[in-house]
């Protein structure tokens, strides 16, 4: 995507021109925006029934059909593949270098199962909430910050 604007401290989003498509407004400054997700956004923005903008939020990531974390307004069309495709989001069966000790360290002070069966819910599996909120600071005002005290899984 070609950047059509630059960001300033007051503006936390970028606008990308998509040749043959609608522009993309992206609130991803300071958070990861994987190349495959960028490709999906470009593809969706080029569809003839998408109108005005495609909006990308800081939690954007690749999924089936369309990215999760995007808003895709349409005229005269409904896109079922752009809704509800986040079931099992990001689930993969792969061996990693993350062991139960890392998980225990990441969840210190939180009532949380510390065994390897819940490693997929370790905080390292998610984007930083502080970075996500900072990236959309011109859209929201953080009034309170909550601290996790418990996680129930399984």
Protein backbone atom coordinates (compact mmCIF):
# COMPACT_ATOMS: atom_id res chain seq x y z
CA UNK A 1 0.00 0.00 0.00
CA UNK A 2 1.27 3.42 -0.85
CA UNK A 3 1.09 5.91 1.97
CA UNK A 4 -0.97 8.92 0.86
CA UNK A 5 -0.45 10.90 4.05
CA UNK A 6 2.00 11.16 6.88
CA UNK A 7 1.11 10.82 10.52
CA UNK A 8 1.48 13.57 13.07
CA UNK A 9 1.26 13.42 16.86
CA UNK A 10 -2.38 14.57 16.53
CA UNK A 11 -3.25 11.98 13.86
CA UNK A 12 -2.60 8.33 14.58
CA UNK A 13 -3.80 6.87 11.32
CA UNK A 14 -2.49 6.66 7.81
CA UNK A 15 -4.41 6.78 4.55
CA UNK A 16 -3.27 4.47 1.78
CA UNK A 17 -4.35 4.91 -1.84
CA UNK A 18 -5.28 1.64 -3.53
CA UNK A 19 -5.04 1.84 -7.34
CA UNK A 20 -8.43 0.89 -8.77
CA UNK A 21 -9.99 0.73 -5.31
CA UNK A 22 -11.08 2.76 -2.33
CA UNK A 23 -8.56 4.27 0.10
CA UNK A 24 -7.62 2.47 3.32
CA UNK A 25 -7.64 4.29 6.66
CA UNK A 26 -5.28 2.39 8.94
CA UNK A 27 -4.99 2.85 12.71
CA UNK A 28 -1.88 0.64 12.88
CA UNK A 29 0.85 3.17 13.60
CA UNK A 30 3.15 1.55 16.16
CA UNK A 31 1.62 -1.94 16.04
CA UNK A 32 2.47 -4.92 13.81
CA UNK A 33 0.57 -5.06 10.49
CA UNK A 34 1.67 -8.27 8.78
CA UNK A 35 2.27 -8.23 5.01
CA UNK A 36 -0.32 -10.96 4.34
CA UNK A 37 -2.96 -8.84 6.13
CA UNK A 38 -1.91 -5.84 4.02
CA UNK A 39 -2.41 -7.95 0.89
CA UNK A 40 -5.91 -8.94 2.05
CA UNK A 41 -6.80 -5.31 2.75
CA UNK A 42 -5.56 -4.23 -0.70
CA UNK A 43 -7.62 -6.99 -2.31
CA UNK A 44 -10.81 -6.09 -0.41
CA UNK A 45 -10.36 -2.36 -1.12
CA UNK A 46 -10.29 -3.20 -4.84
CA UNK A 47 -13.69 -4.92 -4.87
CA UNK A 48 -16.23 -2.95 -6.97
CA UNK A 49 -18.96 -2.91 -4.27
CA UNK A 50 -16.78 -1.61 -1.43
CA UNK A 51 -17.61 2.05 -0.84
CA UNK A 52 -15.74 5.05 0.47
CA UNK A 53 -13.06 3.45 2.74
CA UNK A 54 -11.76 0.26 4.20
CA UNK A 55 -10.90 0.92 7.83
CA UNK A 56 -8.19 -1.08 9.58
CA UNK A 57 -7.96 -1.20 13.36
CA UNK A 58 -4.81 -1.91 15.45
CA UNK A 59 -5.80 -5.53 16.15
CA UNK A 60 -5.79 -6.38 12.42
CA UNK A 61 -4.58 -9.81 11.40
CA UNK A 62 -5.03 -12.28 8.56
CA UNK A 63 -7.97 -14.68 8.52
CA UNK A 64 -10.14 -16.39 5.95
CA UNK A 65 -11.92 -14.11 3.48
CA UNK A 66 -10.93 -10.81 5.04
CA UNK A 67 -8.77 -9.55 7.83
CA UNK A 68 -10.00 -9.50 11.38
CA UNK A 69 -9.95 -5.93 12.67
CA UNK A 70 -11.23 -4.28 9.50
CA UNK A 71 -14.45 -2.48 8.62
CA UNK A 72 -15.63 -3.00 5.04
CA UNK A 73 -18.62 -0.85 4.00
CA UNK A 74 -20.44 -2.11 0.90
CA UNK A 75 -23.19 -0.94 -1.43
CA UNK A 76 -25.52 -3.53 -2.91
CA UNK A 77 -23.57 -6.47 -1.50
CA UNK A 78 -23.24 -8.51 1.69
CA UNK A 79 -19.90 -10.14 2.47
CA UNK A 80 -20.46 -13.09 4.82
CA UNK A 81 -16.78 -13.98 4.67
CA UNK A 82 -15.93 -10.63 6.25
CA UNK A 83 -17.87 -11.48 9.42
CA UNK A 84 -17.40 -14.32 11.88
CA UNK A 85 -14.25 -15.82 10.42
CA UNK A 86 -12.26 -15.39 13.60
CA UNK A 87 -13.33 -18.69 15.19
CA UNK A 88 -10.14 -20.41 16.29
CA UNK A 89 -8.34 -17.24 15.36
CA UNK A 90 -4.67 -17.83 14.86
CA UNK A 91 -4.79 -21.42 16.02
CA UNK A 92 -1.93 -23.55 14.74
CA UNK A 93 -0.40 -26.80 15.84
CA UNK A 94 3.31 -25.97 15.81
CA UNK A 95 6.22 -26.59 18.11
CA UNK A 96 7.58 -23.36 19.56
CA UNK A 97 10.46 -22.39 21.78
CA UNK A 98 8.01 -21.09 24.37
CA UNK A 99 8.12 -23.40 27.37
CA UNK A 100 5.85 -23.57 30.60
CA UNK A 101 8.52 -21.52 32.51
CA UNK A 102 8.05 -18.56 30.11
CA UNK A 103 4.30 -18.78 30.58
CA UNK A 104 4.64 -18.85 34.38
CA UNK A 105 6.88 -15.74 34.27
CA UNK A 106 4.46 -13.91 31.93
CA UNK A 107 1.53 -14.62 34.25
CA UNK A 108 3.23 -13.96 37.57
CA UNK A 109 0.81 -12.33 39.98
CA UNK A 110 -2.24 -13.49 38.00
CA UNK A 111 -4.44 -16.38 39.09
CA UNK A 112 -3.88 -18.52 36.04
CA UNK A 113 -3.16 -22.12 35.13
CA UNK A 114 0.59 -22.37 34.63
CA UNK A 115 0.74 -25.70 32.80
CA UNK A 116 1.61 -26.30 29.14
CA UNK A 117 -2.02 -27.09 28.22
CA UNK A 118 -2.91 -23.38 28.34
CA UNK A 119 0.22 -21.98 26.71
CA UNK A 120 -1.88 -20.71 23.76
CA UNK A 121 -3.37 -18.09 26.09
CA UNK A 122 -0.06 -16.71 27.30
CA UNK A 123 0.14 -12.90 27.09
CA UNK A 124 2.86 -13.20 24.42
CA UNK A 125 0.20 -14.62 22.04
CA UNK A 126 -1.48 -11.21 21.78
CA UNK A 127 -0.59 -7.72 20.63
CA UNK A 128 0.25 -5.33 23.45
CA UNK A 129 -2.96 -3.65 24.63
CA UNK A 130 -0.98 -0.51 25.43
CA UNK A 131 0.31 -0.34 21.83
CA UNK A 132 -3.16 -1.07 20.41
CA UNK A 133 -4.79 1.69 22.48
CA UNK A 134 -1.98 4.13 21.69
CA UNK A 135 -2.39 3.47 17.96
CA UNK A 136 -6.04 4.55 18.12
CA UNK A 137 -5.65 7.40 20.57
CA UNK A 138 -7.46 9.83 18.26
CA UNK A 139 -10.50 7.49 18.29
CA UNK A 140 -10.75 6.69 21.99
CA UNK A 141 -9.96 8.19 25.35
CA UNK A 142 -8.61 5.77 27.92
CA UNK A 143 -10.34 6.56 31.19
CA UNK A 144 -9.22 3.56 33.22
CA UNK A 145 -6.65 0.84 32.82
CA UNK A 146 -7.60 -2.55 34.16
CA UNK A 147 -5.10 -5.08 35.45
CA UNK A 148 -5.73 -8.73 34.86
CA UNK A 149 -6.07 -10.71 38.07
CA UNK A 150 -7.47 -14.01 36.80
CA UNK A 151 -7.70 -16.04 33.61
CA UNK A 152 -9.96 -19.08 33.37
CA UNK A 153 -9.36 -21.56 30.57
CA UNK A 154 -10.21 -25.20 30.19
